Amino acid sequence: MKYGVVEIFDSIQGEGPRMGIPSTFIRLQGCNLSCPWCDTDWSKGIPMNEKEIVEKCTSGRDVVITGGEPTIYNLTSLLLELRTKCPNSSVSIETNGTNSTEKYSGLIDLIICSPKPQTGWSIHPGCRYHVLKYIVDGSFRVEHISKRDLKRMPTSIYLNPEASDIPRFLKEAYDMVMTTPGLRVGIQLHKMVGVK
């Protein structure tokens, strides 16, 4: 299968529970949302098959599939190739949650779901995730998080400040975390280090 690949690069995981770990990122082309503060150019990519992609991921590092929105592709063949050629690597995907991830059970170690309730989209019923990451941007409210997730995911729900006004949005995230059990303030460590 062919995937539109924007870039494959090595860096540190900047967010979530594996923050700071050296990783290989596979950024896929395309997204089904258009968020006003998106900081990623995912509009152009080159077609690559799973073997071509995985050839660039044999460093033994964790592998993170991101976008855009990776679940607009059928990821099965890519994930199987990663499992075969990189058996010691942890494999994560970063998704907006609008599509199902059920068929990838057993092929992905960590699914980070970053819903965009401000855009009017909600999490697909078939999206299985381990971590939630919300962007605090002045319009985000704790009420956007389901009570079910607040109850079942203590310390696995991150609130990241949107980059246009980090001090303001970091304070908003702090206030929400201090008044709502089960939330964590998140950051984008890679941006603080000055890498992608």
N, C-alpha and C. Protein backbone atom coordinates (compact mmCIF):
# COMPACT_ATOMS: atom_id res chain seq x y z
N MET A 1 0.85 -1.19 0.00
CA MET A 1 0.00 0.00 0.00
C MET A 1 0.89 1.24 0.00
N LYS A 2 0.40 2.30 -0.63
CA LYS A 2 1.13 3.56 -0.66
C LYS A 2 0.56 4.52 0.38
N TYR A 3 1.47 5.19 1.06
CA TYR A 3 1.12 6.21 2.05
C TYR A 3 1.74 7.53 1.61
N GLY A 4 1.02 8.64 1.81
CA GLY A 4 1.61 9.94 1.56
C GLY A 4 2.47 10.32 2.76
N VAL A 5 3.78 10.41 2.56
CA VAL A 5 4.70 10.67 3.67
C VAL A 5 5.25 12.09 3.54
N VAL A 6 5.00 12.91 4.54
CA VAL A 6 5.51 14.27 4.57
C VAL A 6 6.97 14.26 4.96
N GLU A 7 7.30 13.49 6.01
CA GLU A 7 8.68 13.40 6.47
C GLU A 7 8.83 12.24 7.44
N ILE A 8 10.07 11.76 7.53
CA ILE A 8 10.46 10.79 8.55
C ILE A 8 11.70 11.37 9.20
N PHE A 9 11.66 11.54 10.52
CA PHE A 9 12.77 12.20 11.19
C PHE A 9 12.94 11.67 12.60
N ASP A 10 14.13 11.84 13.14
CA ASP A 10 14.42 11.45 14.52
C ASP A 10 14.39 12.68 15.41
N SER A 11 13.81 12.53 16.58
CA SER A 11 13.77 13.60 17.57
C SER A 11 13.42 12.96 18.91
N ILE A 12 13.02 13.78 19.88
CA ILE A 12 12.50 13.25 21.13
C ILE A 12 10.99 13.36 21.11
N GLN A 13 10.34 12.42 21.80
CA GLN A 13 8.90 12.55 21.98
C GLN A 13 8.69 13.73 22.92
N GLY A 14 7.93 14.72 22.47
CA GLY A 14 7.80 15.96 23.23
C GLY A 14 6.61 16.01 24.15
N GLU A 15 5.70 15.03 24.06
CA GLU A 15 4.45 15.12 24.81
C GLU A 15 4.05 13.76 25.36
N GLY A 16 3.24 13.79 26.42
CA GLY A 16 2.63 12.57 26.93
C GLY A 16 3.54 11.73 27.80
N PRO A 17 3.13 10.50 28.06
CA PRO A 17 3.84 9.65 29.04
C PRO A 17 5.23 9.21 28.59
N ARG A 18 5.55 9.28 27.29
CA ARG A 18 6.87 8.88 26.82
C ARG A 18 7.72 10.10 26.46
N MET A 19 7.38 11.24 27.04
CA MET A 19 8.09 12.49 26.79
C MET A 19 9.59 12.32 27.09
N GLY A 20 10.40 12.84 26.16
CA GLY A 20 11.84 12.82 26.33
C GLY A 20 12.54 11.62 25.74
N ILE A 21 11.80 10.63 25.25
CA ILE A 21 12.40 9.41 24.71
C ILE A 21 12.74 9.62 23.23
N PRO A 22 13.99 9.29 22.81
CA PRO A 22 14.34 9.40 21.40
C PRO A 22 13.41 8.52 20.55
N SER A 23 12.90 9.09 19.47
CA SER A 23 11.91 8.41 18.65
C SER A 23 12.10 8.75 17.18
N THR A 24 11.61 7.86 16.33
CA THR A 24 11.53 8.12 14.90
C THR A 24 10.07 8.46 14.59
N PHE A 25 9.86 9.61 13.97
CA PHE A 25 8.52 10.08 13.65
C PHE A 25 8.23 9.87 12.17
N ILE A 26 7.08 9.29 11.89
CA ILE A 26 6.58 9.14 10.53
C ILE A 26 5.39 10.09 10.40
N ARG A 27 5.57 11.18 9.67
CA ARG A 27 4.48 12.14 9.51
C ARG A 27 3.77 11.88 8.19
N LEU A 28 2.49 11.48 8.27
CA LEU A 28 1.72 11.17 7.08
C LEU A 28 0.94 12.39 6.60
N GLN A 29 0.70 12.40 5.31
CA GLN A 29 0.01 13.51 4.64
C GLN A 29 -1.49 13.41 4.84
N GLY A 30 -2.13 14.57 5.00
CA GLY A 30 -3.59 14.63 4.99
C GLY A 30 -4.20 14.66 6.37
N CYS A 31 -5.34 15.32 6.46
CA CYS A 31 -6.10 15.38 7.70
C CYS A 31 -7.56 15.62 7.36
N ASN A 32 -8.44 15.10 8.21
CA ASN A 32 -9.87 15.29 7.99
C ASN A 32 -10.43 16.47 8.80
N LEU A 33 -9.57 17.19 9.52
CA LEU A 33 -9.97 18.40 10.24
C LEU A 33 -9.16 19.58 9.74
N SER A 34 -9.59 20.75 10.12
CA SER A 34 -8.85 21.97 9.77
C SER A 34 -8.86 22.88 11.00
N CYS A 35 -7.97 22.58 11.94
CA CYS A 35 -7.93 23.32 13.20
C CYS A 35 -7.20 24.65 12.99
N PRO A 36 -7.72 25.75 13.52
CA PRO A 36 -7.14 27.06 13.24
C PRO A 36 -5.72 27.24 13.76
N TRP A 37 -5.34 26.49 14.80
CA TRP A 37 -4.01 26.66 15.37
C TRP A 37 -3.08 25.50 15.04
N CYS A 38 -3.42 24.70 14.06
CA CYS A 38 -2.55 23.57 13.69
C CYS A 38 -1.16 24.09 13.34
N ASP A 39 -0.13 23.43 13.92
CA ASP A 39 1.25 23.88 13.70
C ASP A 39 2.02 22.96 12.75
N THR A 40 1.31 22.14 12.00
CA THR A 40 1.95 21.14 11.15
C THR A 40 1.54 21.33 9.69
N ASP A 41 2.53 21.36 8.80
CA ASP A 41 2.21 21.37 7.37
C ASP A 41 2.17 19.93 6.89
N TRP A 42 0.97 19.39 6.77
CA TRP A 42 0.80 18.01 6.34
C TRP A 42 0.22 17.94 4.93
N SER A 43 0.26 19.06 4.20
CA SER A 43 -0.45 19.15 2.92
C SER A 43 0.27 18.47 1.77
N LYS A 44 1.60 18.31 1.86
CA LYS A 44 2.35 17.71 0.75
C LYS A 44 3.15 16.52 1.23
N GLY A 45 3.08 15.46 0.46
CA GLY A 45 3.85 14.26 0.80
C GLY A 45 4.24 13.52 -0.45
N ILE A 46 5.12 12.53 -0.26
CA ILE A 46 5.51 11.68 -1.38
C ILE A 46 5.00 10.27 -1.12
N PRO A 47 4.55 9.57 -2.16
CA PRO A 47 4.03 8.22 -1.95
C PRO A 47 5.16 7.24 -1.63
N MET A 48 4.98 6.49 -0.56
CA MET A 48 5.93 5.46 -0.15
C MET A 48 5.16 4.24 0.32
N ASN A 49 5.69 3.05 0.05
CA ASN A 49 5.05 1.86 0.59
C ASN A 49 5.63 1.54 1.96
N GLU A 50 5.04 0.55 2.62
CA GLU A 50 5.44 0.24 3.99
C GLU A 50 6.91 -0.17 4.12
N LYS A 51 7.42 -0.89 3.11
CA LYS A 51 8.82 -1.33 3.18
C LYS A 51 9.77 -0.13 3.08
N GLU A 52 9.45 0.81 2.19
CA GLU A 52 10.28 2.01 2.05
C GLU A 52 10.27 2.85 3.33
N ILE A 53 9.11 2.93 3.96
CA ILE A 53 9.01 3.70 5.20
C ILE A 53 9.82 3.04 6.31
N VAL A 54 9.63 1.75 6.48
CA VAL A 54 10.26 1.06 7.61
C VAL A 54 11.78 0.96 7.45
N GLU A 55 12.27 1.00 6.21
CA GLU A 55 13.72 1.03 6.00
C GLU A 55 14.37 2.22 6.71
N LYS A 56 13.60 3.27 6.90
CA LYS A 56 14.12 4.48 7.55
C LYS A 56 13.89 4.47 9.06
N CYS A 57 13.36 3.36 9.59
CA CYS A 57 12.99 3.29 11.01
C CYS A 57 13.71 2.16 11.74
N THR A 58 14.91 1.84 11.33
CA THR A 58 15.60 0.68 11.92
C THR A 58 16.65 1.07 12.95
N SER A 59 16.51 2.25 13.55
CA SER A 59 17.49 2.72 14.53
C SER A 59 17.28 2.09 15.90
N GLY A 60 16.18 1.37 16.08
CA GLY A 60 15.87 0.79 17.38
C GLY A 60 15.11 1.74 18.29
N ARG A 61 14.86 2.95 17.80
CA ARG A 61 14.11 3.92 18.60
C ARG A 61 12.62 3.60 18.58
N ASP A 62 11.89 4.22 19.52
CA ASP A 62 10.43 4.18 19.44
C ASP A 62 10.01 4.75 18.09
N VAL A 63 8.84 4.33 17.61
CA VAL A 63 8.30 4.85 16.35
C VAL A 63 6.96 5.51 16.66
N VAL A 64 6.79 6.74 16.16
CA VAL A 64 5.55 7.49 16.36
C VAL A 64 4.98 7.82 14.98
N ILE A 65 3.76 7.35 14.72
CA ILE A 65 3.08 7.66 13.47
C ILE A 65 2.13 8.82 13.75
N THR A 66 2.32 9.91 13.01
CA THR A 66 1.57 11.12 13.27
C THR A 66 1.15 11.74 11.95
N GLY A 67 0.63 12.94 11.99
CA GLY A 67 0.19 13.58 10.76
C GLY A 67 0.18 15.09 10.93
N GLY A 68 -0.79 15.70 10.32
CA GLY A 68 -2.04 15.25 9.79
C GLY A 68 -2.78 14.28 10.70
N GLU A 69 -3.52 13.42 10.05
CA GLU A 69 -4.30 12.40 10.75
C GLU A 69 -4.00 11.04 10.16
N PRO A 70 -3.20 10.21 10.87
CA PRO A 70 -2.78 8.93 10.30
C PRO A 70 -3.90 7.93 10.04
N THR A 71 -5.02 8.04 10.79
CA THR A 71 -6.07 7.03 10.62
C THR A 71 -6.93 7.25 9.38
N ILE A 72 -6.61 8.24 8.55
CA ILE A 72 -7.30 8.32 7.26
C ILE A 72 -6.74 7.26 6.31
N TYR A 73 -5.63 6.63 6.71
CA TYR A 73 -5.04 5.52 5.96
C TYR A 73 -5.38 4.21 6.67
N ASN A 74 -5.36 3.11 5.90
CA ASN A 74 -5.38 1.79 6.52
C ASN A 74 -3.94 1.49 6.93
N LEU A 75 -3.68 1.51 8.21
CA LEU A 75 -2.31 1.39 8.73
C LEU A 75 -1.84 -0.04 8.94
N THR A 76 -2.69 -1.03 8.66
CA THR A 76 -2.36 -2.41 9.00
C THR A 76 -1.05 -2.88 8.40
N SER A 77 -0.85 -2.68 7.09
CA SER A 77 0.37 -3.20 6.46
C SER A 77 1.62 -2.49 6.99
N LEU A 78 1.52 -1.20 7.27
CA LEU A 78 2.65 -0.46 7.84
C LEU A 78 2.97 -0.97 9.25
N LEU A 79 1.94 -1.19 10.06
CA LEU A 79 2.15 -1.66 11.42
C LEU A 79 2.74 -3.07 11.43
N LEU A 80 2.26 -3.93 10.55
CA LEU A 80 2.81 -5.29 10.47
C LEU A 80 4.28 -5.27 10.06
N GLU A 81 4.62 -4.40 9.11
CA GLU A 81 6.01 -4.27 8.67
C GLU A 81 6.89 -3.75 9.81
N LEU A 82 6.39 -2.78 10.57
CA LEU A 82 7.13 -2.27 11.71
C LEU A 82 7.35 -3.36 12.75
N ARG A 83 6.33 -4.16 13.01
CA ARG A 83 6.45 -5.24 14.00
C ARG A 83 7.47 -6.29 13.56
N THR A 84 7.56 -6.52 12.25
CA THR A 84 8.50 -7.51 11.72
C THR A 84 9.93 -6.99 11.74
N LYS A 85 10.12 -5.76 11.24
CA LYS A 85 11.47 -5.22 11.06
C LYS A 85 12.01 -4.48 12.30
N CYS A 86 11.13 -4.04 13.17
CA CYS A 86 11.54 -3.28 14.36
C CYS A 86 10.89 -3.89 15.61
N PRO A 87 11.16 -5.17 15.88
CA PRO A 87 10.41 -5.86 16.94
C PRO A 87 10.64 -5.31 18.34
N ASN A 88 11.74 -4.60 18.56
CA ASN A 88 12.03 -4.08 19.90
C ASN A 88 11.59 -2.63 20.08
N SER A 89 10.99 -2.04 19.06
CA SER A 89 10.55 -0.65 19.13
C SER A 89 9.11 -0.56 19.62
N SER A 90 8.86 0.40 20.50
CA SER A 90 7.49 0.72 20.87
C SER A 90 6.87 1.53 19.73
N VAL A 91 5.64 1.21 19.37
CA VAL A 91 4.97 1.90 18.27
C VAL A 91 3.76 2.65 18.81
N SER A 92 3.72 3.96 18.51
CA SER A 92 2.62 4.82 18.93
C SER A 92 1.98 5.46 17.72
N ILE A 93 0.71 5.83 17.85
CA ILE A 93 0.10 6.72 16.87
C ILE A 93 -0.51 7.90 17.61
N GLU A 94 -0.54 9.03 16.93
CA GLU A 94 -1.18 10.23 17.44
C GLU A 94 -2.36 10.53 16.52
N THR A 95 -3.56 10.53 17.08
CA THR A 95 -4.78 10.65 16.29
C THR A 95 -5.70 11.71 16.89
N ASN A 96 -6.56 12.29 16.05
CA ASN A 96 -7.56 13.23 16.57
C ASN A 96 -8.80 12.49 17.08
N GLY A 97 -8.84 11.18 16.91
CA GLY A 97 -9.92 10.38 17.47
C GLY A 97 -11.17 10.28 16.64
N THR A 98 -11.16 10.83 15.44
CA THR A 98 -12.39 10.84 14.63
C THR A 98 -12.63 9.55 13.86
N ASN A 99 -11.65 8.63 13.89
CA ASN A 99 -11.80 7.34 13.20
C ASN A 99 -11.54 6.19 14.18
N SER A 100 -12.01 5.02 13.82
CA SER A 100 -11.83 3.85 14.66
C SER A 100 -10.37 3.39 14.65
N THR A 101 -9.92 2.87 15.78
CA THR A 101 -8.59 2.26 15.87
C THR A 101 -8.69 0.79 16.28
N GLU A 102 -9.91 0.27 16.35
CA GLU A 102 -10.13 -1.09 16.87
C GLU A 102 -9.35 -2.16 16.12
N LYS A 103 -9.23 -2.02 14.80
CA LYS A 103 -8.58 -3.09 14.02
C LYS A 103 -7.08 -3.15 14.24
N TYR A 104 -6.52 -2.15 14.93
CA TYR A 104 -5.08 -2.14 15.18
C TYR A 104 -4.71 -2.70 16.55
N SER A 105 -5.68 -3.27 17.23
CA SER A 105 -5.43 -3.85 18.55
C SER A 105 -4.30 -4.88 18.46
N GLY A 106 -3.33 -4.76 19.32
CA GLY A 106 -2.19 -5.68 19.32
C GLY A 106 -1.05 -5.24 18.44
N LEU A 107 -1.28 -4.26 17.57
CA LEU A 107 -0.22 -3.78 16.69
C LEU A 107 0.36 -2.44 17.15
N ILE A 108 -0.34 -1.77 18.06
CA ILE A 108 0.09 -0.45 18.54
C ILE A 108 0.23 -0.51 20.06
N ASP A 109 1.36 -0.02 20.55
CA ASP A 109 1.59 -0.01 22.00
C ASP A 109 0.91 1.15 22.70
N LEU A 110 0.82 2.30 22.03
CA LEU A 110 0.28 3.48 22.67
C LEU A 110 -0.49 4.31 21.65
N ILE A 111 -1.75 4.59 21.96
CA ILE A 111 -2.57 5.47 21.11
C ILE A 111 -2.83 6.74 21.89
N ILE A 112 -2.31 7.85 21.36
CA ILE A 112 -2.53 9.16 21.97
C ILE A 112 -3.61 9.84 21.16
N CYS A 113 -4.72 10.11 21.81
CA CYS A 113 -5.87 10.73 21.15
C CYS A 113 -5.92 12.20 21.54
N SER A 114 -5.91 13.07 20.54
CA SER A 114 -5.98 14.50 20.79
C SER A 114 -7.25 15.05 20.16
N PRO A 115 -8.38 14.91 20.87
CA PRO A 115 -9.65 15.39 20.32
C PRO A 115 -9.64 16.90 20.15
N LYS A 116 -10.47 17.36 19.26
CA LYS A 116 -10.59 18.80 19.00
C LYS A 116 -12.03 19.23 19.21
N PRO A 117 -12.51 19.24 20.46
CA PRO A 117 -13.92 19.57 20.68
C PRO A 117 -14.28 20.97 20.22
N GLN A 118 -13.28 21.85 20.16
CA GLN A 118 -13.56 23.22 19.71
C GLN A 118 -14.00 23.25 18.25
N THR A 119 -13.66 22.21 17.47
CA THR A 119 -14.02 22.16 16.06
C THR A 119 -15.39 21.51 15.85
N GLY A 120 -16.00 21.02 16.93
CA GLY A 120 -17.31 20.38 16.82
C GLY A 120 -17.25 18.88 16.57
N TRP A 121 -16.04 18.31 16.50
CA TRP A 121 -15.90 16.88 16.29
C TRP A 121 -15.81 16.17 17.63
N SER A 122 -16.31 14.96 17.68
CA SER A 122 -16.20 14.17 18.91
C SER A 122 -15.43 12.88 18.62
N ILE A 123 -15.08 12.17 19.67
CA ILE A 123 -14.31 10.94 19.54
C ILE A 123 -15.19 9.84 18.95
N HIS A 124 -14.69 9.16 17.93
CA HIS A 124 -15.40 8.05 17.30
C HIS A 124 -15.60 6.93 18.32
N PRO A 125 -16.77 6.28 18.35
CA PRO A 125 -17.00 5.21 19.32
C PRO A 125 -16.00 4.05 19.20
N GLY A 126 -15.42 3.87 18.02
CA GLY A 126 -14.46 2.78 17.83
C GLY A 126 -13.01 3.19 18.04
N CYS A 127 -12.79 4.43 18.47
CA CYS A 127 -11.42 4.87 18.73
C CYS A 127 -11.01 4.42 20.13
N ARG A 128 -10.10 3.47 20.19
CA ARG A 128 -9.56 2.99 21.47
C ARG A 128 -8.26 3.73 21.73
N TYR A 129 -8.10 4.30 22.90
CA TYR A 129 -6.92 5.13 23.19
C TYR A 129 -6.45 4.88 24.61
N HIS A 130 -5.17 5.18 24.82
CA HIS A 130 -4.55 5.02 26.14
C HIS A 130 -4.36 6.36 26.84
N VAL A 131 -4.21 7.43 26.05
CA VAL A 131 -3.92 8.76 26.57
C VAL A 131 -4.79 9.77 25.83
N LEU A 132 -5.26 10.77 26.54
CA LEU A 132 -5.97 11.90 25.92
C LEU A 132 -5.11 13.15 26.07
N LYS A 133 -5.09 13.95 25.02
CA LYS A 133 -4.32 15.20 25.04
C LYS A 133 -5.20 16.29 24.45
N TYR A 134 -5.54 17.27 25.25
CA TYR A 134 -6.37 18.38 24.81
C TYR A 134 -5.53 19.65 24.68
N ILE A 135 -5.89 20.49 23.73
CA ILE A 135 -5.22 21.77 23.54
C ILE A 135 -6.03 22.85 24.25
N VAL A 136 -5.40 23.52 25.19
CA VAL A 136 -6.04 24.62 25.92
C VAL A 136 -5.76 25.90 25.14
N ASP A 137 -6.82 26.51 24.61
CA ASP A 137 -6.66 27.62 23.67
C ASP A 137 -7.57 28.81 23.96
N GLY A 138 -8.10 28.87 25.17
CA GLY A 138 -9.04 29.94 25.50
C GLY A 138 -10.48 29.53 25.34
N SER A 139 -10.75 28.56 24.46
CA SER A 139 -12.14 28.10 24.28
C SER A 139 -12.34 26.71 24.87
N PHE A 140 -11.25 26.01 25.22
CA PHE A 140 -11.38 24.67 25.79
C PHE A 140 -11.90 24.76 27.23
N ARG A 141 -12.82 23.86 27.57
CA ARG A 141 -13.36 23.78 28.92
C ARG A 141 -13.27 22.34 29.42
N VAL A 142 -13.14 22.18 30.73
CA VAL A 142 -13.10 20.84 31.33
C VAL A 142 -14.34 20.04 30.93
N GLU A 143 -15.45 20.72 30.72
CA GLU A 143 -16.69 20.04 30.35
C GLU A 143 -16.58 19.33 29.00
N HIS A 144 -15.56 19.66 28.20
CA HIS A 144 -15.34 18.95 26.95
C HIS A 144 -14.89 17.51 27.18
N ILE A 145 -14.36 17.22 28.36
CA ILE A 145 -13.89 15.86 28.68
C ILE A 145 -15.06 15.08 29.26
N SER A 146 -15.27 13.88 28.77
CA SER A 146 -16.39 13.09 29.27
C SER A 146 -16.13 12.67 30.73
N LYS A 147 -17.20 12.59 31.50
CA LYS A 147 -17.08 12.12 32.89
C LYS A 147 -16.53 10.71 32.94
N ARG A 148 -16.88 9.91 31.93
CA ARG A 148 -16.37 8.53 31.87
C ARG A 148 -14.85 8.52 31.76
N ASP A 149 -14.29 9.39 30.89
CA ASP A 149 -12.84 9.44 30.75
C ASP A 149 -12.18 9.99 32.01
N LEU A 150 -12.78 10.99 32.63
CA LEU A 150 -12.22 11.54 33.86
C LEU A 150 -12.14 10.47 34.94
N LYS A 151 -13.13 9.58 34.96
CA LYS A 151 -13.17 8.55 35.99
C LYS A 151 -12.20 7.41 35.70
N ARG A 152 -12.10 7.02 34.42
CA ARG A 152 -11.31 5.82 34.10
C ARG A 152 -9.86 6.10 33.72
N MET A 153 -9.47 7.37 33.52
CA MET A 153 -8.13 7.68 33.02
C MET A 153 -7.38 8.66 33.92
N PRO A 154 -7.33 8.41 35.23
CA PRO A 154 -6.61 9.36 36.08
C PRO A 154 -5.14 9.46 35.67
N THR A 155 -4.66 10.69 35.59
CA THR A 155 -3.28 11.05 35.21
C THR A 155 -2.93 10.69 33.77
N SER A 156 -3.88 10.30 32.95
CA SER A 156 -3.61 10.03 31.53
C SER A 156 -4.30 11.02 30.62
N ILE A 157 -4.75 12.14 31.19
CA ILE A 157 -5.38 13.20 30.40
C ILE A 157 -4.52 14.45 30.55
N TYR A 158 -3.92 14.86 29.45
CA TYR A 158 -2.99 15.99 29.44
C TYR A 158 -3.67 17.23 28.87
N LEU A 159 -3.39 18.37 29.47
CA LEU A 159 -3.85 19.65 28.95
C LEU A 159 -2.62 20.44 28.50
N ASN A 160 -2.47 20.60 27.18
CA ASN A 160 -1.31 21.30 26.62
C ASN A 160 -1.70 22.72 26.21
N PRO A 161 -0.90 23.72 26.58
CA PRO A 161 -1.21 25.09 26.16
C PRO A 161 -0.97 25.28 24.67
N GLU A 162 -1.88 25.99 24.03
CA GLU A 162 -1.70 26.32 22.61
C GLU A 162 -0.57 27.34 22.50
N ALA A 163 0.24 27.23 21.44
CA ALA A 163 1.52 27.92 21.36
C ALA A 163 1.45 29.42 21.13
N SER A 164 0.30 29.96 20.73
CA SER A 164 0.26 31.39 20.41
C SER A 164 0.36 32.29 21.65
N ASP A 165 0.00 31.76 22.83
CA ASP A 165 0.09 32.53 24.07
C ASP A 165 0.32 31.55 25.22
N ILE A 166 1.52 30.99 25.27
CA ILE A 166 1.80 29.92 26.23
C ILE A 166 1.56 30.35 27.67
N PRO A 167 2.05 31.52 28.13
CA PRO A 167 1.81 31.87 29.54
C PRO A 167 0.33 31.89 29.92
N ARG A 168 -0.48 32.48 29.06
CA ARG A 168 -1.92 32.56 29.36
C ARG A 168 -2.57 31.18 29.38
N PHE A 169 -2.30 30.38 28.33
CA PHE A 169 -2.96 29.09 28.24
C PHE A 169 -2.38 28.07 29.23
N LEU A 170 -1.12 28.23 29.60
CA LEU A 170 -0.53 27.38 30.63
C LEU A 170 -1.20 27.64 31.97
N LYS A 171 -1.49 28.90 32.25
CA LYS A 171 -2.20 29.24 33.50
C LYS A 171 -3.61 28.67 33.48
N GLU A 172 -4.29 28.73 32.32
CA GLU A 172 -5.63 28.13 32.21
C GLU A 172 -5.55 26.63 32.47
N ALA A 173 -4.56 25.96 31.87
CA ALA A 173 -4.39 24.52 32.09
C ALA A 173 -4.13 24.23 33.56
N TYR A 174 -3.27 25.03 34.16
CA TYR A 174 -2.95 24.87 35.59
C TYR A 174 -4.22 24.98 36.44
N ASP A 175 -5.02 25.99 36.19
CA ASP A 175 -6.24 26.19 36.97
C ASP A 175 -7.19 25.00 36.83
N MET A 176 -7.30 24.45 35.61
CA MET A 176 -8.17 23.29 35.40
C MET A 176 -7.65 22.07 36.13
N VAL A 177 -6.33 21.85 36.06
CA VAL A 177 -5.72 20.69 36.71
C VAL A 177 -5.88 20.78 38.24
N MET A 178 -5.75 21.97 38.78
CA MET A 178 -5.82 22.14 40.22
C MET A 178 -7.23 21.98 40.78
N THR A 179 -8.23 22.08 39.92
CA THR A 179 -9.61 21.97 40.39
C THR A 179 -10.33 20.71 39.90
N THR A 180 -9.66 19.92 39.06
CA THR A 180 -10.31 18.72 38.49
C THR A 180 -9.38 17.52 38.65
N PRO A 181 -9.69 16.58 39.52
CA PRO A 181 -8.83 15.40 39.69
C PRO A 181 -8.71 14.60 38.40
N GLY A 182 -7.53 14.05 38.17
CA GLY A 182 -7.31 13.19 37.01
C GLY A 182 -6.67 13.86 35.82
N LEU A 183 -6.42 15.17 35.90
CA LEU A 183 -5.81 15.88 34.78
C LEU A 183 -4.34 16.18 35.07
N ARG A 184 -3.57 16.37 33.98
CA ARG A 184 -2.17 16.75 34.09
C ARG A 184 -1.89 17.90 33.15
N VAL A 185 -1.00 18.81 33.57
CA VAL A 185 -0.53 19.85 32.66
C VAL A 185 0.50 19.21 31.74
N GLY A 186 0.36 19.45 30.45
CA GLY A 186 1.32 18.96 29.47
C GLY A 186 2.12 20.10 28.88
N ILE A 187 3.23 19.76 28.26
CA ILE A 187 4.04 20.75 27.54
C ILE A 187 4.47 20.13 26.22
N GLN A 188 5.11 20.91 25.40
CA GLN A 188 5.72 20.40 24.17
C GLN A 188 7.23 20.54 24.34
N LEU A 189 7.84 19.53 24.94
CA LEU A 189 9.25 19.57 25.29
C LEU A 189 10.13 19.83 24.07
N HIS A 190 9.78 19.26 22.93
CA HIS A 190 10.60 19.44 21.74
C HIS A 190 10.69 20.91 21.33
N LYS A 191 9.58 21.65 21.56
CA LYS A 191 9.62 23.08 21.22
C LYS A 191 10.50 23.86 22.20
N MET A 192 10.52 23.43 23.44
CA MET A 192 11.39 24.07 24.41
C MET A 192 12.86 23.81 24.10
N VAL A 193 13.15 22.61 23.57
CA VAL A 193 14.52 22.27 23.20
C VAL A 193 14.90 22.94 21.88
N GLY A 194 13.90 23.30 21.07
CA GLY A 194 14.15 23.94 19.79
C GLY A 194 14.34 22.97 18.65
N VAL A 195 13.66 21.79 18.74
CA VAL A 195 13.74 20.79 17.67
C VAL A 195 12.32 20.45 17.24
N LYS A 196 12.19 19.73 16.11
CA LYS A 196 10.84 19.35 15.68
C LYS A 196 10.45 18.02 16.28
